[in-house]
Amino acid sequence: MLTYTALTTLPGKSQAEALGEALEELDPAPTGVGVFEVEDGKGIWEVGGYFLDAPDDIDLALLSAAFGAGPFVVSEVPDQDWVAKVRRELPPVEAGRFFVYGSHDAALLPEGRIGLLIEAAMAFGTGHHGTTLGCLRAYDRLLNDAQRFDNVLDLGCGTAVLAMSAARMGAASVLASDIDPVAVEVALANVKANGLEGRVGCVESIGFDSPVVQA
């Protein structure tokens, strides 16, 4: 089964957002629309739609002309099992004493390391991204310096890998929160898979808004 993407660029945030809104009104309608600033400092924005059916070329041409954008580039995207692809292509991550791995790599867990089982899913935090890896390494260094952390909040937890690392190290109270309900579901599943139920709480929260997080 083929799906389709349609991408264009134009200057200005307000124009790009307006084009994104107009793109949502097409028939067939896109299943998702993204509006992103191109990181080149020139104020150029990219607008794209993801379609289950091929978008109409004339409709796209009219939209690009109306909003002063470049011609839409339409591409076919073959159906792919992205979770399986991630599992194949993301090797385990080592960060000091921590070893982040998928179930398919369970046999690779080194003796004496603290294993954190994270399955590929629709949530950020496999340990490969610089922020997650950097936090794990920083936490490991702090522990090496005899620092102790009893109350831990993993804000924007994604897969909850950081919260689980704190629980593994004996933190008394660990809470993982995320703005995305899908991420919270993934976090709960990972907590259960790692045998940390009752030791890591998972809540949906916009920043610090949740009463549970505030408490």
N, C-alpha and C. Protein backbone atom coordinates (compact mmCIF):
# COMPACT_ATOMS: atom_id res chain seq x y z
N MET A 1 0.85 -1.20 0.00
CA MET A 1 0.00 0.00 0.00
C MET A 1 0.88 1.24 0.00
N LEU A 2 0.64 2.14 -0.95
CA LEU A 2 1.40 3.37 -1.03
C LEU A 2 0.69 4.50 -0.29
N THR A 3 1.48 5.36 0.33
CA THR A 3 0.97 6.62 0.86
C THR A 3 1.77 7.73 0.19
N TYR A 4 1.41 8.98 0.49
CA TYR A 4 2.00 10.08 -0.26
C TYR A 4 2.35 11.24 0.68
N THR A 5 3.43 11.94 0.33
CA THR A 5 3.76 13.19 1.01
C THR A 5 3.77 14.31 -0.02
N ALA A 6 3.37 15.51 0.40
CA ALA A 6 3.41 16.69 -0.46
C ALA A 6 4.10 17.79 0.34
N LEU A 7 5.22 18.30 -0.16
CA LEU A 7 6.04 19.26 0.57
C LEU A 7 6.30 20.51 -0.26
N THR A 8 6.33 21.64 0.42
CA THR A 8 6.71 22.89 -0.22
C THR A 8 7.37 23.80 0.80
N THR A 9 7.94 24.90 0.35
CA THR A 9 8.56 25.89 1.25
C THR A 9 8.10 27.28 0.87
N LEU A 10 8.14 28.18 1.86
CA LEU A 10 7.78 29.57 1.63
C LEU A 10 8.31 30.41 2.78
N PRO A 11 8.47 31.71 2.58
CA PRO A 11 8.96 32.57 3.66
C PRO A 11 7.84 33.00 4.59
N GLY A 12 8.16 33.13 5.87
CA GLY A 12 7.21 33.69 6.82
C GLY A 12 6.39 32.68 7.59
N LYS A 13 6.39 32.81 8.91
CA LYS A 13 5.66 31.87 9.77
C LYS A 13 4.16 31.95 9.56
N SER A 14 3.60 33.17 9.53
CA SER A 14 2.15 33.31 9.43
C SER A 14 1.62 32.75 8.12
N GLN A 15 2.34 33.01 7.02
CA GLN A 15 1.94 32.47 5.73
C GLN A 15 2.02 30.94 5.73
N ALA A 16 3.07 30.40 6.34
CA ALA A 16 3.24 28.95 6.38
C ALA A 16 2.12 28.30 7.20
N GLU A 17 1.78 28.91 8.34
CA GLU A 17 0.70 28.35 9.15
C GLU A 17 -0.63 28.42 8.44
N ALA A 18 -0.86 29.52 7.71
CA ALA A 18 -2.11 29.65 6.95
C ALA A 18 -2.19 28.61 5.84
N LEU A 19 -1.06 28.35 5.18
CA LEU A 19 -1.02 27.33 4.14
C LEU A 19 -1.27 25.95 4.74
N GLY A 20 -0.71 25.71 5.92
CA GLY A 20 -0.94 24.43 6.59
C GLY A 20 -2.41 24.22 6.89
N GLU A 21 -3.09 25.27 7.34
CA GLU A 21 -4.53 25.16 7.62
C GLU A 21 -5.31 24.91 6.34
N ALA A 22 -4.93 25.58 5.26
CA ALA A 22 -5.62 25.38 3.99
C ALA A 22 -5.39 23.97 3.45
N LEU A 23 -4.20 23.45 3.68
CA LEU A 23 -3.87 22.10 3.22
C LEU A 23 -4.78 21.06 3.88
N GLU A 24 -5.16 21.33 5.11
CA GLU A 24 -6.02 20.39 5.83
C GLU A 24 -7.43 20.30 5.24
N GLU A 25 -7.80 21.29 4.45
CA GLU A 25 -9.15 21.33 3.88
C GLU A 25 -9.24 20.65 2.52
N LEU A 26 -8.13 20.11 2.02
CA LEU A 26 -8.16 19.45 0.72
C LEU A 26 -9.03 18.19 0.74
N ASP A 27 -9.46 17.78 -0.44
CA ASP A 27 -10.18 16.52 -0.60
C ASP A 27 -9.50 15.74 -1.72
N PRO A 28 -8.85 14.61 -1.43
CA PRO A 28 -8.81 13.93 -0.12
C PRO A 28 -7.98 14.71 0.89
N ALA A 29 -8.44 14.65 2.14
CA ALA A 29 -7.76 15.37 3.21
C ALA A 29 -6.51 14.61 3.66
N PRO A 30 -5.47 15.34 4.05
CA PRO A 30 -4.28 14.67 4.58
C PRO A 30 -4.55 14.09 5.96
N THR A 31 -3.85 13.03 6.31
CA THR A 31 -3.98 12.47 7.65
C THR A 31 -3.14 13.25 8.66
N GLY A 32 -2.24 14.06 8.17
CA GLY A 32 -1.42 14.88 9.05
C GLY A 32 -0.78 16.01 8.26
N VAL A 33 -0.58 17.17 8.92
CA VAL A 33 0.07 18.32 8.29
C VAL A 33 1.15 18.83 9.24
N GLY A 34 2.30 19.15 8.69
CA GLY A 34 3.40 19.69 9.50
C GLY A 34 3.85 21.03 8.97
N VAL A 35 4.19 21.96 9.88
CA VAL A 35 4.70 23.28 9.52
C VAL A 35 5.97 23.49 10.35
N PHE A 36 7.12 23.57 9.68
CA PHE A 36 8.39 23.64 10.39
C PHE A 36 9.28 24.73 9.78
N GLU A 37 10.02 25.41 10.63
CA GLU A 37 11.00 26.38 10.14
C GLU A 37 12.26 25.63 9.71
N VAL A 38 12.76 25.95 8.54
CA VAL A 38 14.00 25.37 8.06
C VAL A 38 15.15 25.99 8.83
N GLU A 39 16.02 25.18 9.40
CA GLU A 39 17.05 25.69 10.31
C GLU A 39 18.27 26.20 9.55
N ASP A 40 18.05 27.25 8.76
CA ASP A 40 19.18 27.86 8.05
C ASP A 40 19.29 29.35 8.32
N GLY A 41 18.43 29.85 9.22
CA GLY A 41 18.47 31.25 9.59
C GLY A 41 17.91 32.21 8.55
N LYS A 42 17.29 31.69 7.51
CA LYS A 42 16.79 32.54 6.43
C LYS A 42 15.29 32.80 6.52
N GLY A 43 14.64 32.26 7.54
CA GLY A 43 13.21 32.50 7.71
C GLY A 43 12.34 31.73 6.74
N ILE A 44 12.87 30.62 6.21
CA ILE A 44 12.09 29.79 5.30
C ILE A 44 11.38 28.69 6.08
N TRP A 45 10.13 28.43 5.71
CA TRP A 45 9.33 27.42 6.41
C TRP A 45 8.93 26.31 5.45
N GLU A 46 8.86 25.10 5.96
CA GLU A 46 8.41 23.95 5.18
C GLU A 46 7.02 23.55 5.62
N VAL A 47 6.16 23.31 4.65
CA VAL A 47 4.79 22.86 4.91
C VAL A 47 4.60 21.53 4.18
N GLY A 48 4.11 20.55 4.90
CA GLY A 48 3.93 19.25 4.27
C GLY A 48 2.68 18.54 4.74
N GLY A 49 2.16 17.69 3.88
CA GLY A 49 1.00 16.88 4.23
C GLY A 49 1.29 15.42 3.94
N TYR A 50 0.64 14.55 4.73
CA TYR A 50 0.78 13.10 4.58
C TYR A 50 -0.58 12.57 4.17
N PHE A 51 -0.64 11.87 3.03
CA PHE A 51 -1.91 11.46 2.44
C PHE A 51 -1.99 9.95 2.25
N LEU A 52 -3.18 9.40 2.49
CA LEU A 52 -3.41 7.99 2.21
C LEU A 52 -3.78 7.78 0.74
N ASP A 53 -4.34 8.82 0.09
CA ASP A 53 -4.64 8.80 -1.34
C ASP A 53 -3.87 9.94 -2.01
N ALA A 54 -3.54 9.75 -3.27
CA ALA A 54 -2.76 10.76 -3.99
C ALA A 54 -3.48 12.10 -4.01
N PRO A 55 -2.82 13.18 -3.58
CA PRO A 55 -3.46 14.50 -3.62
C PRO A 55 -3.58 14.99 -5.06
N ASP A 56 -4.53 15.86 -5.29
CA ASP A 56 -4.78 16.39 -6.62
C ASP A 56 -3.74 17.45 -6.97
N ASP A 57 -3.04 17.27 -8.09
CA ASP A 57 -1.97 18.19 -8.49
C ASP A 57 -2.48 19.60 -8.71
N ILE A 58 -3.68 19.72 -9.26
CA ILE A 58 -4.23 21.06 -9.52
C ILE A 58 -4.53 21.78 -8.21
N ASP A 59 -5.11 21.07 -7.25
CA ASP A 59 -5.40 21.68 -5.95
C ASP A 59 -4.11 22.16 -5.28
N LEU A 60 -3.08 21.35 -5.37
CA LEU A 60 -1.80 21.73 -4.77
C LEU A 60 -1.19 22.94 -5.47
N ALA A 61 -1.30 22.97 -6.79
CA ALA A 61 -0.77 24.11 -7.54
C ALA A 61 -1.50 25.40 -7.19
N LEU A 62 -2.81 25.32 -7.03
CA LEU A 62 -3.60 26.51 -6.66
C LEU A 62 -3.22 27.00 -5.27
N LEU A 63 -3.01 26.05 -4.34
CA LEU A 63 -2.62 26.44 -2.99
C LEU A 63 -1.25 27.12 -2.97
N SER A 64 -0.29 26.53 -3.66
CA SER A 64 1.05 27.11 -3.65
C SER A 64 1.05 28.50 -4.27
N ALA A 65 0.26 28.69 -5.34
CA ALA A 65 0.18 30.01 -5.97
C ALA A 65 -0.50 31.02 -5.05
N ALA A 66 -1.54 30.59 -4.35
CA ALA A 66 -2.30 31.50 -3.49
C ALA A 66 -1.48 32.00 -2.31
N PHE A 67 -0.56 31.18 -1.84
CA PHE A 67 0.20 31.54 -0.64
C PHE A 67 1.66 31.91 -0.95
N GLY A 68 2.00 32.01 -2.21
CA GLY A 68 3.36 32.42 -2.58
C GLY A 68 4.41 31.39 -2.23
N ALA A 69 4.03 30.12 -2.30
CA ALA A 69 4.96 29.03 -1.99
C ALA A 69 5.52 28.43 -3.27
N GLY A 70 6.57 27.66 -3.11
CA GLY A 70 7.10 26.93 -4.25
C GLY A 70 6.18 25.79 -4.61
N PRO A 71 6.37 25.19 -5.79
CA PRO A 71 5.53 24.05 -6.19
C PRO A 71 5.65 22.91 -5.19
N PHE A 72 4.54 22.26 -4.89
CA PHE A 72 4.56 21.09 -4.01
C PHE A 72 5.30 19.95 -4.70
N VAL A 73 6.13 19.27 -3.94
CA VAL A 73 6.80 18.06 -4.42
C VAL A 73 6.08 16.87 -3.80
N VAL A 74 5.47 16.05 -4.65
CA VAL A 74 4.70 14.90 -4.19
C VAL A 74 5.56 13.64 -4.34
N SER A 75 5.63 12.85 -3.29
CA SER A 75 6.43 11.63 -3.30
C SER A 75 5.60 10.46 -2.81
N GLU A 76 5.84 9.30 -3.42
CA GLU A 76 5.21 8.07 -2.96
C GLU A 76 6.03 7.49 -1.82
N VAL A 77 5.35 7.02 -0.77
CA VAL A 77 6.01 6.43 0.38
C VAL A 77 5.54 4.98 0.52
N PRO A 78 6.42 4.02 0.30
CA PRO A 78 5.99 2.62 0.43
C PRO A 78 5.64 2.27 1.86
N ASP A 79 4.65 1.40 2.01
CA ASP A 79 4.26 0.94 3.34
C ASP A 79 5.42 0.20 3.98
N GLN A 80 5.68 0.50 5.25
CA GLN A 80 6.82 -0.11 5.92
C GLN A 80 6.54 -0.30 7.41
N ASP A 81 7.01 -1.38 7.95
CA ASP A 81 6.89 -1.61 9.38
C ASP A 81 8.03 -0.85 10.06
N TRP A 82 7.73 0.38 10.50
CA TRP A 82 8.78 1.24 11.04
C TRP A 82 9.32 0.72 12.36
N VAL A 83 8.46 0.09 13.17
CA VAL A 83 8.94 -0.45 14.44
C VAL A 83 9.97 -1.54 14.19
N ALA A 84 9.68 -2.43 13.22
CA ALA A 84 10.63 -3.50 12.89
C ALA A 84 11.92 -2.91 12.34
N LYS A 85 11.81 -1.86 11.54
CA LYS A 85 13.00 -1.21 10.98
C LYS A 85 13.86 -0.62 12.09
N VAL A 86 13.22 0.05 13.06
CA VAL A 86 13.96 0.64 14.17
C VAL A 86 14.67 -0.45 14.98
N ARG A 87 13.96 -1.56 15.20
CA ARG A 87 14.55 -2.65 15.96
C ARG A 87 15.81 -3.18 15.29
N ARG A 88 15.77 -3.24 13.95
CA ARG A 88 16.93 -3.76 13.22
C ARG A 88 18.09 -2.79 13.25
N GLU A 89 17.79 -1.48 13.19
CA GLU A 89 18.84 -0.50 12.95
C GLU A 89 19.34 0.23 14.19
N LEU A 90 18.66 0.08 15.33
CA LEU A 90 19.12 0.75 16.55
C LEU A 90 19.79 -0.26 17.47
N PRO A 91 21.11 -0.23 17.56
CA PRO A 91 21.81 -1.15 18.45
C PRO A 91 21.66 -0.71 19.90
N PRO A 92 22.05 -1.55 20.87
CA PRO A 92 22.01 -1.14 22.28
C PRO A 92 22.88 0.09 22.52
N VAL A 93 22.54 0.82 23.58
CA VAL A 93 23.27 2.04 23.95
C VAL A 93 23.90 1.85 25.31
N GLU A 94 25.18 2.17 25.41
CA GLU A 94 25.89 2.09 26.68
C GLU A 94 26.16 3.50 27.19
N ALA A 95 25.77 3.77 28.43
CA ALA A 95 25.99 5.08 29.04
C ALA A 95 26.45 4.85 30.47
N GLY A 96 27.75 4.74 30.65
CA GLY A 96 28.28 4.43 31.98
C GLY A 96 27.81 3.07 32.44
N ARG A 97 27.16 3.04 33.59
CA ARG A 97 26.68 1.76 34.15
C ARG A 97 25.39 1.28 33.48
N PHE A 98 24.77 2.16 32.67
CA PHE A 98 23.47 1.83 32.08
C PHE A 98 23.62 1.22 30.68
N PHE A 99 22.74 0.27 30.38
CA PHE A 99 22.74 -0.42 29.09
C PHE A 99 21.30 -0.45 28.60
N VAL A 100 21.00 0.34 27.57
CA VAL A 100 19.64 0.46 27.04
C VAL A 100 19.52 -0.46 25.82
N TYR A 101 18.52 -1.34 25.83
CA TYR A 101 18.44 -2.35 24.78
C TYR A 101 16.99 -2.73 24.50
N GLY A 102 16.76 -3.33 23.33
CA GLY A 102 15.47 -3.90 22.99
C GLY A 102 15.47 -5.38 23.32
N SER A 103 14.28 -5.98 23.37
CA SER A 103 14.19 -7.39 23.76
C SER A 103 14.95 -8.28 22.79
N HIS A 104 15.08 -7.85 21.52
CA HIS A 104 15.81 -8.65 20.54
C HIS A 104 17.31 -8.68 20.82
N ASP A 105 17.79 -7.77 21.68
CA ASP A 105 19.21 -7.73 22.03
C ASP A 105 19.45 -8.10 23.50
N ALA A 106 18.49 -8.78 24.12
CA ALA A 106 18.60 -9.12 25.54
C ALA A 106 19.87 -9.93 25.85
N ALA A 107 20.28 -10.77 24.90
CA ALA A 107 21.45 -11.63 25.13
C ALA A 107 22.75 -10.83 25.19
N LEU A 108 22.70 -9.55 24.76
CA LEU A 108 23.91 -8.72 24.72
C LEU A 108 24.15 -7.95 26.02
N LEU A 109 23.22 -8.04 26.98
CA LEU A 109 23.36 -7.29 28.23
C LEU A 109 24.62 -7.75 28.98
N PRO A 110 25.61 -6.86 29.17
CA PRO A 110 26.84 -7.26 29.83
C PRO A 110 26.62 -7.51 31.33
N GLU A 111 27.39 -8.40 31.87
CA GLU A 111 27.31 -8.68 33.30
C GLU A 111 27.74 -7.45 34.09
N GLY A 112 27.00 -7.14 35.12
CA GLY A 112 27.34 -6.01 35.97
C GLY A 112 26.76 -4.68 35.52
N ARG A 113 26.14 -4.63 34.35
CA ARG A 113 25.51 -3.39 33.89
C ARG A 113 24.04 -3.35 34.32
N ILE A 114 23.50 -2.14 34.40
CA ILE A 114 22.10 -1.95 34.74
C ILE A 114 21.31 -1.89 33.45
N GLY A 115 20.54 -2.92 33.18
CA GLY A 115 19.80 -3.01 31.94
C GLY A 115 18.49 -2.24 31.98
N LEU A 116 18.21 -1.52 30.91
CA LEU A 116 16.96 -0.78 30.74
C LEU A 116 16.34 -1.23 29.43
N LEU A 117 15.26 -1.99 29.52
CA LEU A 117 14.60 -2.55 28.35
C LEU A 117 13.65 -1.52 27.75
N ILE A 118 13.93 -1.09 26.52
CA ILE A 118 13.09 -0.12 25.83
C ILE A 118 12.75 -0.69 24.46
N GLU A 119 11.45 -0.88 24.22
CA GLU A 119 11.05 -1.37 22.91
C GLU A 119 10.79 -0.20 21.97
N ALA A 120 11.10 -0.40 20.70
CA ALA A 120 10.80 0.62 19.70
C ALA A 120 9.30 0.85 19.65
N ALA A 121 8.89 2.09 19.76
CA ALA A 121 7.47 2.42 19.78
C ALA A 121 7.30 3.89 19.44
N MET A 122 6.04 4.38 19.49
CA MET A 122 5.76 5.76 19.11
C MET A 122 6.01 6.71 20.28
N ALA A 123 7.24 6.71 20.80
CA ALA A 123 7.60 7.64 21.86
C ALA A 123 9.09 7.87 21.81
N PHE A 124 9.49 9.10 22.14
CA PHE A 124 10.89 9.49 22.11
C PHE A 124 11.64 8.87 23.29
N GLY A 125 12.88 8.46 23.05
CA GLY A 125 13.71 8.05 24.17
C GLY A 125 14.28 6.65 24.08
N THR A 126 14.96 6.33 22.99
CA THR A 126 15.59 5.01 22.88
C THR A 126 17.00 5.02 23.44
N GLY A 127 17.49 6.20 23.81
CA GLY A 127 18.86 6.30 24.30
C GLY A 127 19.83 6.73 23.22
N HIS A 128 19.41 6.72 21.95
CA HIS A 128 20.30 7.09 20.87
C HIS A 128 20.37 8.60 20.68
N HIS A 129 19.29 9.30 21.00
CA HIS A 129 19.28 10.75 20.82
C HIS A 129 20.22 11.40 21.83
N GLY A 130 20.87 12.47 21.39
CA GLY A 130 21.88 13.11 22.23
C GLY A 130 21.38 13.56 23.59
N THR A 131 20.12 14.04 23.67
CA THR A 131 19.63 14.52 24.97
C THR A 131 19.46 13.37 25.96
N THR A 132 18.86 12.27 25.49
CA THR A 132 18.67 11.12 26.38
C THR A 132 20.01 10.53 26.80
N LEU A 133 20.88 10.32 25.82
CA LEU A 133 22.20 9.75 26.11
C LEU A 133 22.99 10.67 27.03
N GLY A 134 22.92 11.98 26.77
CA GLY A 134 23.65 12.93 27.61
C GLY A 134 23.15 12.93 29.04
N CYS A 135 21.83 12.84 29.23
CA CYS A 135 21.27 12.80 30.58
C CYS A 135 21.70 11.53 31.32
N LEU A 136 21.70 10.40 30.61
CA LEU A 136 22.13 9.15 31.25
C LEU A 136 23.60 9.23 31.67
N ARG A 137 24.42 9.79 30.80
CA ARG A 137 25.85 9.91 31.13
C ARG A 137 26.07 10.87 32.29
N ALA A 138 25.32 11.98 32.28
CA ALA A 138 25.46 12.95 33.37
C ALA A 138 25.01 12.34 34.70
N TYR A 139 23.90 11.61 34.66
CA TYR A 139 23.40 10.94 35.87
C TYR A 139 24.42 9.93 36.38
N ASP A 140 25.02 9.19 35.48
CA ASP A 140 26.04 8.21 35.86
C ASP A 140 27.22 8.91 36.53
N ARG A 141 27.65 10.04 35.99
CA ARG A 141 28.79 10.77 36.59
C ARG A 141 28.44 11.30 37.97
N LEU A 142 27.22 11.80 38.12
CA LEU A 142 26.80 12.30 39.43
C LEU A 142 26.77 11.17 40.46
N LEU A 143 26.31 10.00 40.05
CA LEU A 143 26.31 8.85 40.94
C LEU A 143 27.73 8.45 41.31
N ASN A 144 28.64 8.55 40.35
CA ASN A 144 30.04 8.25 40.63
C ASN A 144 30.64 9.21 41.63
N ASP A 145 30.08 10.43 41.68
CA ASP A 145 30.54 11.44 42.65
C ASP A 145 29.81 11.34 43.97
N ALA A 146 29.14 10.21 44.19
CA ALA A 146 28.44 9.92 45.45
C ALA A 146 27.24 10.82 45.68
N GLN A 147 26.67 11.38 44.61
CA GLN A 147 25.43 12.13 44.73
C GLN A 147 24.27 11.16 44.91
N ARG A 148 23.23 11.60 45.63
CA ARG A 148 22.06 10.76 45.85
C ARG A 148 20.80 11.55 45.51
N PHE A 149 19.86 10.90 44.84
CA PHE A 149 18.63 11.57 44.41
C PHE A 149 17.44 10.72 44.83
N ASP A 150 16.66 11.22 45.79
CA ASP A 150 15.54 10.45 46.31
C ASP A 150 14.22 10.78 45.62
N ASN A 151 14.04 12.04 45.20
CA ASN A 151 12.81 12.46 44.54
C ASN A 151 13.13 12.90 43.11
N VAL A 152 12.70 12.11 42.15
CA VAL A 152 13.11 12.32 40.76
C VAL A 152 11.89 12.54 39.87
N LEU A 153 11.94 13.59 39.04
CA LEU A 153 10.92 13.84 38.04
C LEU A 153 11.55 13.75 36.66
N ASP A 154 11.02 12.87 35.82
CA ASP A 154 11.43 12.76 34.42
C ASP A 154 10.38 13.50 33.60
N LEU A 155 10.64 14.79 33.34
CA LEU A 155 9.68 15.67 32.68
C LEU A 155 9.84 15.56 31.16
N GLY A 156 8.75 15.23 30.47
CA GLY A 156 8.85 14.94 29.04
C GLY A 156 9.51 13.59 28.85
N CYS A 157 8.95 12.58 29.50
CA CYS A 157 9.63 11.30 29.72
C CYS A 157 9.77 10.44 28.47
N GLY A 158 8.88 10.62 27.47
CA GLY A 158 8.95 9.72 26.33
C GLY A 158 8.77 8.28 26.77
N THR A 159 9.81 7.48 26.62
CA THR A 159 9.75 6.07 27.00
C THR A 159 9.96 5.83 28.49
N ALA A 160 10.30 6.88 29.24
CA ALA A 160 10.58 6.80 30.68
C ALA A 160 11.92 6.15 30.99
N VAL A 161 12.84 6.16 30.05
CA VAL A 161 14.14 5.53 30.29
C VAL A 161 14.89 6.21 31.43
N LEU A 162 14.79 7.53 31.55
CA LEU A 162 15.50 8.24 32.62
C LEU A 162 14.85 7.97 33.98
N ALA A 163 13.53 7.95 34.01
CA ALA A 163 12.84 7.63 35.26
C ALA A 163 13.21 6.23 35.74
N MET A 164 13.27 5.30 34.81
CA MET A 164 13.58 3.92 35.19
C MET A 164 15.02 3.78 35.66
N SER A 165 15.92 4.57 35.08
CA SER A 165 17.31 4.52 35.54
C SER A 165 17.40 4.99 36.99
N ALA A 166 16.60 6.02 37.35
CA ALA A 166 16.59 6.50 38.73
C ALA A 166 16.01 5.46 39.68
N ALA A 167 14.95 4.79 39.23
CA ALA A 167 14.35 3.74 40.06
C ALA A 167 15.32 2.59 40.26
N ARG A 168 16.04 2.24 39.22
CA ARG A 168 17.03 1.17 39.33
C ARG A 168 18.13 1.52 40.35
N MET A 169 18.40 2.82 40.49
CA MET A 169 19.43 3.26 41.42
C MET A 169 18.88 3.54 42.82
N GLY A 170 17.62 3.17 43.06
CA GLY A 170 17.08 3.21 44.40
C GLY A 170 16.42 4.50 44.82
N ALA A 171 16.09 5.40 43.86
CA ALA A 171 15.38 6.63 44.22
C ALA A 171 14.05 6.27 44.88
N ALA A 172 13.72 6.97 45.96
CA ALA A 172 12.53 6.63 46.74
C ALA A 172 11.24 6.98 46.02
N SER A 173 11.23 8.11 45.29
CA SER A 173 10.02 8.58 44.62
C SER A 173 10.38 9.00 43.20
N VAL A 174 9.81 8.31 42.21
CA VAL A 174 10.13 8.60 40.81
C VAL A 174 8.83 8.81 40.05
N LEU A 175 8.74 9.95 39.34
CA LEU A 175 7.56 10.26 38.55
C LEU A 175 7.98 10.58 37.12
N ALA A 176 7.31 9.98 36.15
CA ALA A 176 7.54 10.26 34.74
C ALA A 176 6.30 10.94 34.18
N SER A 177 6.48 12.05 33.47
CA SER A 177 5.34 12.77 32.91
C SER A 177 5.63 13.16 31.47
N ASP A 178 4.54 13.27 30.68
CA ASP A 178 4.69 13.69 29.29
C ASP A 178 3.40 14.36 28.84
N ILE A 179 3.52 15.29 27.90
CA ILE A 179 2.36 15.98 27.34
C ILE A 179 1.57 15.07 26.41
N ASP A 180 2.24 14.03 25.89
CA ASP A 180 1.65 13.14 24.89
C ASP A 180 1.08 11.89 25.56
N PRO A 181 -0.23 11.66 25.43
CA PRO A 181 -0.83 10.47 26.06
C PRO A 181 -0.26 9.16 25.53
N VAL A 182 0.16 9.15 24.25
CA VAL A 182 0.78 7.93 23.70
C VAL A 182 2.09 7.64 24.41
N ALA A 183 2.87 8.68 24.68
CA ALA A 183 4.13 8.51 25.40
C ALA A 183 3.88 7.95 26.80
N VAL A 184 2.83 8.42 27.45
CA VAL A 184 2.52 7.92 28.79
C VAL A 184 2.18 6.44 28.74
N GLU A 185 1.42 6.03 27.72
CA GLU A 185 1.09 4.61 27.56
C GLU A 185 2.36 3.78 27.34
N VAL A 186 3.26 4.29 26.50
CA VAL A 186 4.52 3.59 26.24
C VAL A 186 5.36 3.53 27.52
N ALA A 187 5.38 4.63 28.27
CA ALA A 187 6.14 4.66 29.52
C ALA A 187 5.61 3.61 30.50
N LEU A 188 4.29 3.53 30.62
CA LEU A 188 3.69 2.53 31.51
C LEU A 188 4.07 1.12 31.09
N ALA A 189 4.05 0.86 29.78
CA ALA A 189 4.40 -0.46 29.28
C ALA A 189 5.86 -0.79 29.58
N ASN A 190 6.74 0.20 29.43
CA ASN A 190 8.15 -0.03 29.69
C ASN A 190 8.42 -0.24 31.19
N VAL A 191 7.73 0.52 32.01
CA VAL A 191 7.86 0.35 33.46
C VAL A 191 7.48 -1.08 33.86
N LYS A 192 6.38 -1.57 33.28
CA LYS A 192 5.94 -2.93 33.57
C LYS A 192 6.94 -3.95 33.06
N ALA A 193 7.45 -3.75 31.82
CA ALA A 193 8.40 -4.69 31.23
C ALA A 193 9.69 -4.78 32.01
N ASN A 194 10.03 -3.69 32.73
CA ASN A 194 11.26 -3.67 33.51
C ASN A 194 11.05 -4.06 34.98
N GLY A 195 9.82 -4.49 35.30
CA GLY A 195 9.54 -4.91 36.66
C GLY A 195 9.58 -3.79 37.67
N LEU A 196 9.20 -2.57 37.23
CA LEU A 196 9.28 -1.40 38.11
C LEU A 196 7.90 -0.83 38.47
N GLU A 197 6.87 -1.63 38.31
CA GLU A 197 5.54 -1.18 38.70
C GLU A 197 5.52 -0.87 40.20
N GLY A 198 4.89 0.25 40.55
CA GLY A 198 4.85 0.67 41.93
C GLY A 198 6.04 1.51 42.34
N ARG A 199 7.07 1.55 41.49
CA ARG A 199 8.27 2.34 41.79
C ARG A 199 8.41 3.56 40.88
N VAL A 200 7.71 3.54 39.75
CA VAL A 200 7.72 4.68 38.82
C VAL A 200 6.28 5.02 38.47
N GLY A 201 5.85 6.24 38.81
CA GLY A 201 4.54 6.70 38.43
C GLY A 201 4.59 7.37 37.07
N CYS A 202 3.54 7.24 36.28
CA CYS A 202 3.48 7.82 34.94
C CYS A 202 2.19 8.64 34.80
N VAL A 203 2.32 9.92 34.46
CA VAL A 203 1.14 10.78 34.35
C VAL A 203 1.24 11.64 33.11
N GLU A 204 0.08 12.03 32.58
CA GLU A 204 0.02 12.99 31.48
C GLU A 204 -0.01 14.39 32.08
N SER A 205 0.87 15.26 31.59
CA SER A 205 0.94 16.61 32.15
C SER A 205 1.54 17.56 31.13
N ILE A 206 0.98 18.75 31.05
CA ILE A 206 1.58 19.83 30.26
C ILE A 206 2.57 20.55 31.17
N GLY A 207 3.83 20.25 31.00
CA GLY A 207 4.84 20.81 31.89
C GLY A 207 4.57 20.44 33.34
N PHE A 208 4.50 21.45 34.19
CA PHE A 208 4.26 21.21 35.63
C PHE A 208 2.79 21.33 36.02
N ASP A 209 1.88 21.34 35.02
CA ASP A 209 0.47 21.64 35.31
C ASP A 209 -0.23 20.58 36.15
N SER A 210 0.14 19.32 36.00
CA SER A 210 -0.58 18.26 36.72
C SER A 210 -0.42 18.43 38.22
N PRO A 211 -1.52 18.30 38.97
CA PRO A 211 -1.42 18.35 40.44
C PRO A 211 -0.46 17.30 40.99
N VAL A 212 -0.38 16.16 40.32
CA VAL A 212 0.54 15.10 40.78
C VAL A 212 1.98 15.57 40.67
N VAL A 213 2.31 16.23 39.54
CA VAL A 213 3.66 16.75 39.36
C VAL A 213 3.94 17.86 40.36
N GLN A 214 2.98 18.75 40.55
CA GLN A 214 3.18 19.85 41.49
C GLN A 214 3.40 19.34 42.91
N ALA A 215 2.68 18.30 43.28
CA ALA A 215 2.83 17.75 44.62
C ALA A 215 4.21 17.12 44.82
